[in-house]
PDB file of all heavy atoms in Angstrom:
ATOM      1  N   SER A   1       7.683 -33.116 105.853  1.00  0.00           N
ATOM      2  CA  SER A   1       6.715 -34.153 105.441  1.00  0.00           C
ATOM      3  C   SER A   1       5.783 -34.485 106.681  1.00  0.00           C
ATOM      4  O   SER A   1       4.578 -34.637 106.514  1.00  0.00           O
ATOM      5  CB  SER A   1       7.409 -35.461 105.034  1.00  0.00           C
ATOM      6  OG  SER A   1       8.141 -35.091 103.974  1.00  0.00           O
ATOM      7  N   TYR A   2       6.360 -34.454 107.894  1.00  0.00           N
ATOM      8  CA  TYR A   2       5.571 -34.750 109.099  1.00  0.00           C
ATOM      9  C   TYR A   2       4.483 -33.781 109.253  1.00  0.00           C
ATOM     10  O   TYR A   2       3.266 -34.074 109.484  1.00  0.00           O
ATOM     11  CB  TYR A   2       6.489 -34.809 110.281  1.00  0.00           C
ATOM     12  CG  TYR A   2       5.751 -34.972 111.602  1.00  0.00           C
ATOM     13  CD1 TYR A   2       5.088 -36.158 111.982  1.00  0.00           C
ATOM     14  CD2 TYR A   2       5.598 -33.853 112.479  1.00  0.00           C
ATOM     15  CE1 TYR A   2       4.467 -36.276 113.116  1.00  0.00           C
ATOM     16  CE2 TYR A   2       4.902 -33.946 113.592  1.00  0.00           C
ATOM     17  CZ  TYR A   2       4.277 -35.084 114.019  1.00  0.00           C
ATOM     18  OH  TYR A   2       3.555 -35.136 115.175  1.00  0.00           O
ATOM     19  N   LEU A   3       4.824 -32.513 109.224  1.00  0.00           N
ATOM     20  CA  LEU A   3       3.828 -31.424 109.361  1.00  0.00           C
ATOM     21  C   LEU A   3       2.877 -31.399 108.256  1.00  0.00           C
ATOM     22  O   LEU A   3       1.641 -31.173 108.461  1.00  0.00           O
ATOM     23  CB  LEU A   3       4.496 -30.069 109.585  1.00  0.00           C
ATOM     24  CG  LEU A   3       3.635 -28.886 109.866  1.00  0.00           C
ATOM     25  CD1 LEU A   3       2.767 -29.163 111.086  1.00  0.00           C
ATOM     26  CD2 LEU A   3       4.505 -27.544 110.096  1.00  0.00           C
ATOM     27  N   SER A   4       3.315 -31.569 107.007  1.00  0.00           N
ATOM     28  CA  SER A   4       2.389 -31.637 105.882  1.00  0.00           C
ATOM     29  C   SER A   4       1.358 -32.734 106.023  1.00  0.00           C
ATOM     30  O   SER A   4       0.216 -32.454 105.745  1.00  0.00           O
ATOM     31  CB  SER A   4       3.254 -31.880 104.615  1.00  0.00           C
ATOM     32  OG  SER A   4       4.094 -30.774 104.402  1.00  0.00           O
ATOM     33  N   ASP A   5       1.816 -33.830 106.376  1.00  0.00           N
ATOM     34  CA  ASP A   5       0.854 -34.959 106.664  1.00  0.00           C
ATOM     35  C   ASP A   5      -0.172 -34.683 107.703  1.00  0.00           C
ATOM     36  O   ASP A   5      -1.342 -34.987 107.606  1.00  0.00           O
ATOM     37  CB  ASP A   5       1.575 -36.214 106.952  1.00  0.00           C
ATOM     38  CG  ASP A   5       2.414 -36.857 105.798  1.00  0.00           C
ATOM     39  OD1 ASP A   5       2.095 -36.423 104.667  1.00  0.00           O
ATOM     40  OD2 ASP A   5       3.340 -37.633 105.966  1.00  0.00           O
ATOM     41  N   LEU A   6       0.315 -33.999 108.746  1.00  0.00           N
ATOM     42  CA  LEU A   6      -0.547 -33.675 109.855  1.00  0.00           C
ATOM     43  C   LEU A   6      -1.725 -32.697 109.393  1.00  0.00           C
ATOM     44  O   LEU A   6      -2.813 -32.903 109.727  1.00  0.00           O
ATOM     45  CB  LEU A   6       0.336 -33.025 110.961  1.00  0.00           C
ATOM     46  CG  LEU A   6      -0.296 -32.990 112.422  1.00  0.00           C
ATOM     47  CD1 LEU A   6      -0.528 -34.308 112.947  1.00  0.00           C
ATOM     48  CD2 LEU A   6       0.699 -32.220 113.286  1.00  0.00           C
ATOM     49  N   ILE A   7      -1.264 -31.685 108.611  1.00  0.00           N
ATOM     50  CA  ILE A   7      -2.200 -30.778 108.149  1.00  0.00           C
ATOM     51  C   ILE A   7      -3.186 -31.388 107.151  1.00  0.00           C
ATOM     52  O   ILE A   7      -4.325 -31.080 107.174  1.00  0.00           O
ATOM     53  CB  ILE A   7      -1.429 -29.532 107.518  1.00  0.00           C
ATOM     54  CG1 ILE A   7      -0.644 -28.711 108.549  1.00  0.00           C
ATOM     55  CG2 ILE A   7      -2.373 -28.614 106.814  1.00  0.00           C
ATOM     56  CD1 ILE A   7       0.341 -27.756 108.077  1.00  0.00           C
ATOM     57  N   ARG A   8      -2.585 -32.266 106.303  1.00  0.00           N
ATOM     58  CA  ARG A   8      -3.483 -32.908 105.291  1.00  0.00           C
ATOM     59  C   ARG A   8      -4.535 -33.702 105.951  1.00  0.00           C
ATOM     60  O   ARG A   8      -5.697 -33.659 105.484  1.00  0.00           O
ATOM     61  CB  ARG A   8      -2.623 -33.706 104.408  1.00  0.00           C
ATOM     62  CG  ARG A   8      -3.222 -34.190 103.071  1.00  0.00           C
ATOM     63  CD  ARG A   8      -2.285 -34.959 102.168  1.00  0.00           C
ATOM     64  NE  ARG A   8      -1.299 -33.957 101.686  1.00  0.00           N
ATOM     65  CZ  ARG A   8       0.047 -34.105 101.989  1.00  0.00           C
ATOM     66  NH1 ARG A   8       0.470 -34.976 102.947  1.00  0.00           N
ATOM     67  NH2 ARG A   8       0.893 -33.226 101.561  1.00  0.00           N
ATOM     68  N   ARG A   9      -4.191 -34.521 106.983  1.00  0.00           N
ATOM     69  CA  ARG A   9      -5.188 -35.282 107.662  1.00  0.00           C
ATOM     70  C   ARG A   9      -6.196 -34.431 108.439  1.00  0.00           C
ATOM     71  O   ARG A   9      -7.382 -34.800 108.355  1.00  0.00           O
ATOM     72  CB  ARG A   9      -4.466 -36.225 108.653  1.00  0.00           C
ATOM     73  CG  ARG A   9      -3.607 -37.347 107.940  1.00  0.00           C
ATOM     74  CD  ARG A   9      -3.344 -38.409 109.009  1.00  0.00           C
ATOM     75  NE  ARG A   9      -2.595 -37.894 110.191  1.00  0.00           N
ATOM     76  CZ  ARG A   9      -1.196 -37.833 110.247  1.00  0.00           C
ATOM     77  NH1 ARG A   9      -0.459 -38.265 109.139  1.00  0.00           N
ATOM     78  NH2 ARG A   9      -0.655 -37.411 111.346  1.00  0.00           N
ATOM     79  N   HIS A  10      -5.682 -33.366 108.890  1.00  0.00           N
ATOM     80  CA  HIS A  10      -6.720 -32.395 109.648  1.00  0.00           C
ATOM     81  C   HIS A  10      -7.699 -31.803 108.649  1.00  0.00           C
ATOM     82  O   HIS A  10      -8.886 -31.776 108.891  1.00  0.00           O
ATOM     83  CB  HIS A  10      -5.920 -31.308 110.259  1.00  0.00           C
ATOM     84  CG  HIS A  10      -6.798 -30.318 110.917  1.00  0.00           C
ATOM     85  ND1 HIS A  10      -7.521 -30.534 112.024  1.00  0.00           N
ATOM     86  CD2 HIS A  10      -6.917 -28.967 110.557  1.00  0.00           C
ATOM     87  CE1 HIS A  10      -8.261 -29.393 112.270  1.00  0.00           C
ATOM     88  NE2 HIS A  10      -7.881 -28.476 111.481  1.00  0.00           N
ATOM     89  N   ARG A  11      -7.185 -31.381 107.494  1.00  0.00           N
ATOM     90  CA  ARG A  11      -8.108 -30.820 106.485  1.00  0.00           C
ATOM     91  C   ARG A  11      -9.137 -31.858 105.971  1.00  0.00           C
ATOM     92  O   ARG A  11     -10.326 -31.451 105.776  1.00  0.00           O
ATOM     93  CB  ARG A  11      -7.261 -30.337 105.247  1.00  0.00           C
ATOM     94  CG  ARG A  11      -6.426 -29.087 105.464  1.00  0.00           C
ATOM     95  CD  ARG A  11      -5.781 -28.600 104.240  1.00  0.00           C
ATOM     96  NE  ARG A  11      -5.001 -27.438 104.343  1.00  0.00           N
ATOM     97  CZ  ARG A  11      -4.409 -26.827 103.432  1.00  0.00           C
ATOM     98  NH1 ARG A  11      -4.579 -27.194 102.153  1.00  0.00           N
ATOM     99  NH2 ARG A  11      -3.702 -25.706 103.674  1.00  0.00           N
ATOM    100  N   LYS A  12      -8.714 -33.056 105.853  1.00  0.00           N
ATOM    101  CA  LYS A  12      -9.604 -34.121 105.421  1.00  0.00           C
ATOM    102  C   LYS A  12     -10.611 -34.408 106.534  1.00  0.00           C
ATOM    103  O   LYS A  12     -11.845 -34.662 106.219  1.00  0.00           O
ATOM    104  CB  LYS A  12      -8.794 -35.446 105.089  1.00  0.00           C
ATOM    105  CG  LYS A  12      -9.701 -36.558 104.653  1.00  0.00           C
ATOM    106  CD  LYS A  12      -8.856 -37.788 104.213  1.00  0.00           C
ATOM    107  CE  LYS A  12      -9.804 -38.888 103.654  1.00  0.00           C
ATOM    108  NZ  LYS A  12      -8.860 -40.055 103.248  1.00  0.00           N
ATOM    109  N   LYS A  13     -10.206 -34.379 107.717  1.00  0.00           N
ATOM    110  CA  LYS A  13     -11.115 -34.582 108.938  1.00  0.00           C
ATOM    111  C   LYS A  13     -12.165 -33.556 109.027  1.00  0.00           C
ATOM    112  O   LYS A  13     -13.366 -33.895 109.201  1.00  0.00           O
ATOM    113  CB  LYS A  13     -10.291 -34.666 110.139  1.00  0.00           C
ATOM    114  CG  LYS A  13     -11.132 -34.949 111.318  1.00  0.00           C
ATOM    115  CD  LYS A  13     -10.254 -35.018 112.707  1.00  0.00           C
ATOM    116  CE  LYS A  13     -11.185 -35.259 113.881  1.00  0.00           C
ATOM    117  NZ  LYS A  13     -10.249 -35.339 115.140  1.00  0.00           N
ATOM    118  N   ILE A  14     -11.825 -32.324 108.781  1.00  0.00           N
ATOM    119  CA  ILE A  14     -12.814 -31.222 108.953  1.00  0.00           C
ATOM    120  C   ILE A  14     -13.479 -30.917 107.620  1.00  0.00           C
ATOM    121  O   ILE A  14     -14.297 -29.919 107.524  1.00  0.00           O
ATOM    122  CB  ILE A  14     -12.177 -30.002 109.528  1.00  0.00           C
ATOM    123  CG1 ILE A  14     -11.107 -29.396 108.571  1.00  0.00           C
ATOM    124  CG2 ILE A  14     -11.614 -30.228 110.907  1.00  0.00           C
ATOM    125  CD1 ILE A  14     -10.553 -28.065 109.053  1.00  0.00           C
ATOM    126  N   ARG A  15     -13.092 -31.681 106.506  1.00  0.00           N
ATOM    127  CA  ARG A  15     -13.693 -31.448 105.221  1.00  0.00           C
ATOM    128  C   ARG A  15     -13.481 -30.025 104.732  1.00  0.00           C
ATOM    129  O   ARG A  15     -14.370 -29.300 104.388  1.00  0.00           O
ATOM    130  CB  ARG A  15     -15.129 -31.767 105.210  1.00  0.00           C
ATOM    131  CG  ARG A  15     -15.453 -33.259 105.433  1.00  0.00           C
ATOM    132  CD  ARG A  15     -16.878 -33.590 105.415  1.00  0.00           C
ATOM    133  NE  ARG A  15     -17.123 -35.076 105.646  1.00  0.00           N
ATOM    134  CZ  ARG A  15     -18.337 -35.625 105.664  1.00  0.00           C
ATOM    135  NH1 ARG A  15     -19.379 -34.968 105.388  1.00  0.00           N
ATOM    136  NH2 ARG A  15     -18.360 -36.972 105.851  1.00  0.00           N
ATOM    137  N   SER A  16     -12.289 -29.554 104.861  1.00  0.00           N
ATOM    138  CA  SER A  16     -11.878 -28.165 104.573  1.00  0.00           C
ATOM    139  C   SER A  16     -12.063 -27.912 103.125  1.00  0.00           C
ATOM    140  O   SER A  16     -11.795 -28.700 102.292  1.00  0.00           O
ATOM    141  CB  SER A  16     -10.440 -27.960 104.911  1.00  0.00           C
ATOM    142  OG  SER A  16     -10.013 -26.673 104.524  1.00  0.00           O
ATOM    143  N   PRO A  17     -12.655 -26.670 102.803  1.00  0.00           N
ATOM    144  CA  PRO A  17     -12.884 -26.338 101.343  1.00  0.00           C
ATOM    145  C   PRO A  17     -11.369 -25.974 100.817  1.00  0.00           C
ATOM    146  O   PRO A  17     -10.433 -26.030 101.418  1.00  0.00           O
ATOM    147  CB  PRO A  17     -13.714 -25.214 101.489  1.00  0.00           C
ATOM    148  CG  PRO A  17     -13.534 -24.548 102.830  1.00  0.00           C
ATOM    149  CD  PRO A  17     -13.187 -25.694 103.745  1.00  0.00           C
ATOM    150  N   TRP A  18     -11.561 -25.610  99.526  1.00  0.00           N
ATOM    151  CA  TRP A  18     -10.294 -25.237  98.790  1.00  0.00           C
ATOM    152  C   TRP A  18      -9.534 -24.089  99.502  1.00  0.00           C
ATOM    153  O   TRP A  18     -10.231 -23.168 100.051  1.00  0.00           O
ATOM    154  CB  TRP A  18     -10.630 -24.800  97.317  1.00  0.00           C
ATOM    155  CG  TRP A  18      -9.404 -24.331  96.569  1.00  0.00           C
ATOM    156  CD1 TRP A  18      -8.539 -25.123  95.818  1.00  0.00           C
ATOM    157  CD2 TRP A  18      -8.914 -22.966  96.409  1.00  0.00           C
ATOM    158  NE1 TRP A  18      -7.544 -24.367  95.305  1.00  0.00           N
ATOM    159  CE2 TRP A  18      -7.774 -22.990  95.691  1.00  0.00           C
ATOM    160  CE3 TRP A  18      -9.369 -21.809  97.003  1.00  0.00           C
ATOM    161  CZ2 TRP A  18      -7.041 -21.862  95.351  1.00  0.00           C
ATOM    162  CZ3 TRP A  18      -8.585 -20.614  96.682  1.00  0.00           C
ATOM    163  CH2 TRP A  18      -7.484 -20.679  95.902  1.00  0.00           C
ATOM    164  N   ARG A  19      -8.228 -24.169  99.597  1.00  0.00           N
ATOM    165  CA  ARG A  19      -7.414 -23.139 100.182  1.00  0.00           C
ATOM    166  C   ARG A  19      -6.360 -22.652  99.207  1.00  0.00           C
ATOM    167  O   ARG A  19      -5.995 -23.361  98.300  1.00  0.00           O
ATOM    168  CB  ARG A  19      -6.721 -23.664 101.455  1.00  0.00           C
ATOM    169  CG  ARG A  19      -7.678 -24.027 102.610  1.00  0.00           C
ATOM    170  CD  ARG A  19      -6.925 -24.324 103.824  1.00  0.00           C
ATOM    171  NE  ARG A  19      -7.797 -24.900 104.879  1.00  0.00           N
ATOM    172  CZ  ARG A  19      -7.354 -25.036 106.092  1.00  0.00           C
ATOM    173  NH1 ARG A  19      -6.089 -24.664 106.491  1.00  0.00           N
ATOM    174  NH2 ARG A  19      -8.145 -25.581 107.040  1.00  0.00           N
ATOM    175  N   ARG A  20      -5.949 -21.479  99.509  1.00  0.00           N
ATOM    176  CA  ARG A  20      -4.910 -20.845  98.551  1.00  0.00           C
ATOM    177  C   ARG A  20      -3.592 -21.661  98.510  1.00  0.00           C
ATOM    178  O   ARG A  20      -3.013 -21.832  97.486  1.00  0.00           O
ATOM    179  CB  ARG A  20      -4.669 -19.434  99.046  1.00  0.00           C
ATOM    180  CG  ARG A  20      -3.667 -18.652  98.154  1.00  0.00           C
ATOM    181  CD  ARG A  20      -4.340 -18.341  96.788  1.00  0.00           C
ATOM    182  NE  ARG A  20      -3.362 -17.580  95.941  1.00  0.00           N
ATOM    183  CZ  ARG A  20      -3.400 -16.166  96.014  1.00  0.00           C
ATOM    184  NH1 ARG A  20      -4.247 -15.533  96.806  1.00  0.00           N
ATOM    185  NH2 ARG A  20      -2.532 -15.557  95.199  1.00  0.00           N
ATOM    186  N   LEU A  21      -3.282 -22.176  99.695  1.00  0.00           N
ATOM    187  CA  LEU A  21      -2.022 -22.950  99.766  1.00  0.00           C
ATOM    188  C   LEU A  21      -2.336 -24.386 100.060  1.00  0.00           C
ATOM    189  O   LEU A  21      -3.406 -24.666 100.892  1.00  0.00           O
ATOM    190  CB  LEU A  21      -1.155 -22.487 100.963  1.00  0.00           C
ATOM    191  CG  LEU A  21      -0.565 -21.027 100.804  1.00  0.00           C
ATOM    192  CD1 LEU A  21       0.371 -20.706 102.006  1.00  0.00           C
ATOM    193  CD2 LEU A  21       0.100 -20.736  99.433  1.00  0.00           C
ATOM    194  N   ASN A  22      -1.663 -25.323  99.505  1.00  0.00           N
ATOM    195  CA  ASN A  22      -1.898 -26.740  99.768  1.00  0.00           C
ATOM    196  C   ASN A  22      -1.146 -27.044 101.065  1.00  0.00           C
ATOM    197  O   ASN A  22      -0.599 -26.207 101.682  1.00  0.00           O
ATOM    198  CB  ASN A  22      -1.364 -27.648  98.662  1.00  0.00           C
ATOM    199  CG  ASN A  22       0.184 -27.518  98.422  1.00  0.00           C
ATOM    200  OD1 ASN A  22       0.917 -27.354  99.354  1.00  0.00           O
ATOM    201  ND2 ASN A  22       0.496 -27.567  97.146  1.00  0.00           N
ATOM    202  N   ALA A  23      -1.362 -28.310 101.645  1.00  0.00           N
ATOM    203  CA  ALA A  23      -0.835 -28.703 102.879  1.00  0.00           C
ATOM    204  C   ALA A  23       0.657 -28.563 102.976  1.00  0.00           C
ATOM    205  O   ALA A  23       1.204 -28.055 104.059  1.00  0.00           O
ATOM    206  CB  ALA A  23      -1.235 -30.113 103.243  1.00  0.00           C
ATOM    207  N   GLY A  24       1.358 -28.906 101.954  1.00  0.00           N
ATOM    208  CA  GLY A  24       2.853 -28.788 101.972  1.00  0.00           C
ATOM    209  C   GLY A  24       3.360 -27.285 102.045  1.00  0.00           C
ATOM    210  O   GLY A  24       4.188 -26.955 102.749  1.00  0.00           O
ATOM    211  N   GLN A  25       2.648 -26.474 101.303  1.00  0.00           N
ATOM    212  CA  GLN A  25       2.973 -25.112 101.359  1.00  0.00           C
ATOM    213  C   GLN A  25       2.641 -24.414 102.662  1.00  0.00           C
ATOM    214  O   GLN A  25       3.329 -23.561 103.195  1.00  0.00           O
ATOM    215  CB  GLN A  25       2.206 -24.264 100.166  1.00  0.00           C
ATOM    216  CG  GLN A  25       2.672 -24.715  98.838  1.00  0.00           C
ATOM    217  CD  GLN A  25       1.816 -24.124  97.689  1.00  0.00           C
ATOM    218  OE1 GLN A  25       0.567 -24.052  97.895  1.00  0.00           O
ATOM    219  NE2 GLN A  25       2.436 -23.769  96.605  1.00  0.00           N
ATOM    220  N   GLN A  26       1.502 -24.803 103.249  1.00  0.00           N
ATOM    221  CA  GLN A  26       1.188 -24.274 104.511  1.00  0.00           C
ATOM    222  C   GLN A  26       2.247 -24.716 105.627  1.00  0.00           C
ATOM    223  O   GLN A  26       2.649 -23.934 106.480  1.00  0.00           O
ATOM    224  CB  GLN A  26      -0.207 -24.784 105.059  1.00  0.00           C
ATOM    225  CG  GLN A  26      -0.619 -24.288 106.392  1.00  0.00           C
ATOM    226  CD  GLN A  26      -1.974 -24.793 106.915  1.00  0.00           C
ATOM    227  OE1 GLN A  26      -2.699 -25.379 106.043  1.00  0.00           O
ATOM    228  NE2 GLN A  26      -2.342 -24.654 108.096  1.00  0.00           N
ATOM    229  N   ALA A  27       2.614 -25.984 105.482  1.00  0.00           N
ATOM    230  CA  ALA A  27       3.617 -26.478 106.426  1.00  0.00           C
ATOM    231  C   ALA A  27       4.955 -25.690 106.295  1.00  0.00           C
ATOM    232  O   ALA A  27       5.610 -25.317 107.330  1.00  0.00           O
ATOM    233  CB  ALA A  27       3.923 -28.020 106.245  1.00  0.00           C
ATOM    234  N   LEU A  28       5.320 -25.454 105.054  1.00  0.00           N
ATOM    235  CA  LEU A  28       6.565 -24.669 104.825  1.00  0.00           C
ATOM    236  C   LEU A  28       6.350 -23.221 105.384  1.00  0.00           C
ATOM    237  O   LEU A  28       7.355 -22.739 106.017  1.00  0.00           O
ATOM    238  CB  LEU A  28       6.859 -24.660 103.366  1.00  0.00           C
ATOM    239  CG  LEU A  28       8.251 -23.970 102.981  1.00  0.00           C
ATOM    240  CD1 LEU A  28       9.404 -24.693 103.748  1.00  0.00           C
ATOM    241  CD2 LEU A  28       8.466 -24.074 101.414  1.00  0.00           C
ATOM    242  N   LEU A  29       5.239 -22.573 105.188  1.00  0.00           N
ATOM    243  CA  LEU A  29       5.104 -21.235 105.753  1.00  0.00           C
ATOM    244  C   LEU A  29       5.196 -21.266 107.306  1.00  0.00           C
ATOM    245  O   LEU A  29       5.840 -20.462 107.848  1.00  0.00           O
ATOM    246  CB  LEU A  29       3.630 -20.769 105.341  1.00  0.00           C
ATOM    247  CG  LEU A  29       3.269 -19.355 105.786  1.00  0.00           C
ATOM    248  CD1 LEU A  29       2.271 -18.782 104.781  1.00  0.00           C
ATOM    249  CD2 LEU A  29       2.633 -19.357 107.183  1.00  0.00           C
ATOM    250  N   VAL A  30       4.622 -22.243 107.885  1.00  0.00           N
ATOM    251  CA  VAL A  30       4.676 -22.323 109.441  1.00  0.00           C
ATOM    252  C   VAL A  30       6.124 -22.547 109.931  1.00  0.00           C
ATOM    253  O   VAL A  30       6.613 -21.909 110.812  1.00  0.00           O
ATOM    254  CB  VAL A  30       3.799 -23.509 109.867  1.00  0.00           C
ATOM    255  CG1 VAL A  30       3.957 -23.753 111.307  1.00  0.00           C
ATOM    256  CG2 VAL A  30       2.317 -23.173 109.524  1.00  0.00           C
ATOM    257  N   LEU A  31       6.857 -23.490 109.213  1.00  0.00           N
ATOM    258  CA  LEU A  31       8.184 -23.696 109.557  1.00  0.00           C
ATOM    259  C   LEU A  31       9.187 -22.507 109.373  1.00  0.00           C
ATOM    260  O   LEU A  31      10.006 -22.257 110.212  1.00  0.00           O
ATOM    261  CB  LEU A  31       8.866 -24.900 108.696  1.00  0.00           C
ATOM    262  CG  LEU A  31       8.121 -26.232 109.012  1.00  0.00           C
ATOM    263  CD1 LEU A  31       8.689 -27.330 108.078  1.00  0.00           C
ATOM    264  CD2 LEU A  31       8.368 -26.676 110.615  1.00  0.00           C
ATOM    265  N   VAL A  32       8.942 -21.747 108.373  1.00  0.00           N
ATOM    266  CA  VAL A  32       9.638 -20.592 108.154  1.00  0.00           C
ATOM    267  C   VAL A  32       9.443 -19.530 109.232  1.00  0.00           C
ATOM    268  O   VAL A  32      10.388 -18.944 109.769  1.00  0.00           O
ATOM    269  CB  VAL A  32       9.361 -19.919 106.757  1.00  0.00           C
ATOM    270  CG1 VAL A  32       9.883 -18.514 106.636  1.00  0.00           C
ATOM    271  CG2 VAL A  32       9.873 -20.785 105.659  1.00  0.00           C
ATOM    272  N   HIS A  33       8.119 -19.333 109.588  1.00  0.00           N
ATOM    273  CA  HIS A  33       7.831 -18.436 110.677  1.00  0.00           C
ATOM    274  C   HIS A  33       8.450 -18.860 112.002  1.00  0.00           C
ATOM    275  O   HIS A  33       9.045 -18.030 112.795  1.00  0.00           O
ATOM    276  CB  HIS A  33       6.364 -18.292 110.780  1.00  0.00           C
ATOM    277  CG  HIS A  33       5.883 -17.400 111.880  1.00  0.00           C
ATOM    278  ND1 HIS A  33       6.196 -15.969 111.817  1.00  0.00           N
ATOM    279  CD2 HIS A  33       5.184 -17.621 113.076  1.00  0.00           C
ATOM    280  CE1 HIS A  33       5.616 -15.488 112.944  1.00  0.00           C
ATOM    281  NE2 HIS A  33       5.081 -16.425 113.727  1.00  0.00           N
ATOM    282  N   LEU A  34       8.368 -20.144 112.363  1.00  0.00           N
ATOM    283  CA  LEU A  34       8.826 -20.639 113.633  1.00  0.00           C
ATOM    284  C   LEU A  34      10.367 -20.687 113.704  1.00  0.00           C
ATOM    285  O   LEU A  34      10.988 -20.297 114.728  1.00  0.00           O
ATOM    286  CB  LEU A  34       8.238 -22.009 113.954  1.00  0.00           C
ATOM    287  CG  LEU A  34       6.746 -22.075 114.056  1.00  0.00           C
ATOM    288  CD1 LEU A  34       6.371 -23.549 114.466  1.00  0.00           C
ATOM    289  CD2 LEU A  34       6.194 -21.153 115.161  1.00  0.00           C
ATOM    290  N   ARG A  35      10.916 -21.094 112.644  1.00  0.00           N
ATOM    291  CA  ARG A  35      12.380 -21.263 112.565  1.00  0.00           C
ATOM    292  C   ARG A  35      13.210 -20.040 112.528  1.00  0.00           C
ATOM    293  O   ARG A  35      14.174 -19.782 113.161  1.00  0.00           O
ATOM    294  CB  ARG A  35      12.788 -22.262 111.506  1.00  0.00           C
ATOM    295  CG  ARG A  35      14.262 -22.655 111.520  1.00  0.00           C
ATOM    296  CD  ARG A  35      14.547 -23.654 112.694  1.00  0.00           C
ATOM    297  NE  ARG A  35      15.823 -24.265 112.556  1.00  0.00           N
ATOM    298  CZ  ARG A  35      16.236 -25.277 113.414  1.00  0.00           C
ATOM    299  NH1 ARG A  35      15.523 -25.707 114.335  1.00  0.00           N
ATOM    300  NH2 ARG A  35      17.461 -25.800 113.188  1.00  0.00           N
ATOM    301  N   LYS A  36      12.727 -19.142 111.625  1.00  0.00           N
ATOM    302  CA  LYS A  36      13.411 -17.905 111.254  1.00  0.00           C
ATOM    303  C   LYS A  36      12.878 -16.622 111.925  1.00  0.00           C
ATOM    304  O   LYS A  36      13.434 -15.569 111.849  1.00  0.00           O
ATOM    305  CB  LYS A  36      13.548 -17.781 109.776  1.00  0.00           C
ATOM    306  CG  LYS A  36      14.162 -18.944 108.988  1.00  0.00           C
ATOM    307  CD  LYS A  36      14.215 -18.685 107.569  1.00  0.00           C
ATOM    308  CE  LYS A  36      15.364 -17.744 107.204  1.00  0.00           C
ATOM    309  NZ  LYS A  36      15.541 -17.608 105.719  1.00  0.00           N
ATOM    310  N   ASP A  37      11.734 -16.780 112.495  1.00  0.00           N
ATOM    311  CA  ASP A  37      11.018 -15.628 113.201  1.00  0.00           C
ATOM    312  C   ASP A  37      10.792 -14.551 112.224  1.00  0.00           C
ATOM    313  O   ASP A  37      10.899 -13.291 112.590  1.00  0.00           O
ATOM    314  CB  ASP A  37      11.858 -15.212 114.364  1.00  0.00           C
ATOM    315  CG  ASP A  37      11.053 -14.205 115.262  1.00  0.00           C
ATOM    316  OD1 ASP A  37       9.717 -14.246 115.251  1.00  0.00           O
ATOM    317  OD2 ASP A  37      11.672 -13.439 116.008  1.00  0.00           O
ATOM    318  N   GLU A  38      10.484 -14.905 110.953  1.00  0.00           N
ATOM    319  CA  GLU A  38      10.035 -13.814 110.022  1.00  0.00           C
ATOM    320  C   GLU A  38       8.673 -13.322 110.406  1.00  0.00           C
ATOM    321  O   GLU A  38       7.820 -14.123 110.834  1.00  0.00           O
ATOM    322  CB  GLU A  38      10.071 -14.330 108.594  1.00  0.00           C
ATOM    323  CG  GLU A  38      11.523 -14.646 108.099  1.00  0.00           C
ATOM    324  CD  GLU A  38      11.538 -14.937 106.612  1.00  0.00           C
ATOM    325  OE1 GLU A  38      10.473 -14.885 105.985  1.00  0.00           O
ATOM    326  OE2 GLU A  38      12.644 -15.044 106.027  1.00  0.00           O
ATOM    327  N   THR A  39       8.397 -12.064 110.274  1.00  0.00           N
ATOM    328  CA  THR A  39       7.148 -11.500 110.660  1.00  0.00           C
ATOM    329  C   THR A  39       5.948 -12.040 109.799  1.00  0.00           C
ATOM    330  O   THR A  39       6.270 -12.560 108.666  1.00  0.00           O
ATOM    331  CB  THR A  39       7.178  -9.988 110.456  1.00  0.00           C
ATOM    332  OG1 THR A  39       7.305  -9.580 109.132  1.00  0.00           O
ATOM    333  CG2 THR A  39       8.341  -9.425 111.311  1.00  0.00           C
ATOM    334  N   LEU A  40       4.826 -11.888 110.218  1.00  0.00           N
ATOM    335  CA  LEU A  40       3.644 -12.244 109.465  1.00  0.00           C
ATOM    336  C   LEU A  40       3.629 -11.587 108.086  1.00  0.00           C
ATOM    337  O   LEU A  40       3.227 -12.180 107.129  1.00  0.00           O
ATOM    338  CB  LEU A  40       2.405 -12.061 110.286  1.00  0.00           C
ATOM    339  CG  LEU A  40       2.180 -12.945 111.535  1.00  0.00           C
ATOM    340  CD1 LEU A  40       0.890 -12.475 112.220  1.00  0.00           C
ATOM    341  CD2 LEU A  40       2.060 -14.370 111.158  1.00  0.00           C
ATOM    342  N   THR A  41       3.896 -10.307 108.064  1.00  0.00           N
ATOM    343  CA  THR A  41       3.874  -9.620 106.852  1.00  0.00           C
ATOM    344  C   THR A  41       4.877 -10.205 105.846  1.00  0.00           C
ATOM    345  O   THR A  41       4.582 -10.329 104.655  1.00  0.00           O
ATOM    346  CB  THR A  41       4.307  -8.077 107.083  1.00  0.00           C
ATOM    347  OG1 THR A  41       3.341  -7.497 108.054  1.00  0.00           O
ATOM    348  CG2 THR A  41       4.195  -7.295 105.837  1.00  0.00           C
ATOM    349  N   GLU A  42       6.065 -10.574 106.322  1.00  0.00           N
ATOM    350  CA  GLU A  42       7.131 -11.085 105.477  1.00  0.00           C
ATOM    351  C   GLU A  42       6.805 -12.505 104.841  1.00  0.00           C
ATOM    352  O   GLU A  42       6.770 -12.765 103.725  1.00  0.00           O
ATOM    353  CB  GLU A  42       8.429 -11.181 106.159  1.00  0.00           C
ATOM    354  CG  GLU A  42       9.046  -9.840 106.544  1.00  0.00           C
ATOM    355  CD  GLU A  42      10.146  -9.945 107.428  1.00  0.00           C
ATOM    356  OE1 GLU A  42      10.284 -10.971 108.267  1.00  0.00           O
ATOM    357  OE2 GLU A  42      11.021  -9.019 107.472  1.00  0.00           O
ATOM    358  N   VAL A  43       6.235 -13.323 105.814  1.00  0.00           N
ATOM    359  CA  VAL A  43       5.792 -14.670 105.344  1.00  0.00           C
ATOM    360  C   VAL A  43       4.641 -14.736 104.365  1.00  0.00           C
ATOM    361  O   VAL A  43       4.544 -15.394 103.473  1.00  0.00           O
ATOM    362  CB  VAL A  43       5.616 -15.729 106.416  1.00  0.00           C
ATOM    363  CG1 VAL A  43       7.040 -15.946 107.188  1.00  0.00           C
ATOM    364  CG2 VAL A  43       4.586 -15.272 107.456  1.00  0.00           C
ATOM    365  N   ALA A  44       3.692 -13.792 104.799  1.00  0.00           N
ATOM    366  CA  ALA A  44       2.480 -13.670 103.939  1.00  0.00           C
ATOM    367  C   ALA A  44       2.869 -13.214 102.539  1.00  0.00           C
ATOM    368  O   ALA A  44       2.347 -13.822 101.536  1.00  0.00           O
ATOM    369  CB  ALA A  44       1.507 -12.647 104.570  1.00  0.00           C
TER     370      ALA A  44
END
């Protein structure tokens, strides 16, 4: 939730256009990569 809120506020600040993943999904992708060290190919 913390990382999702951080990303959501950042997107609003920079007026980010539509993205494939919402803020919560992006946060989960980041946490999976950092916590489990899955490769970019795997998380993508």
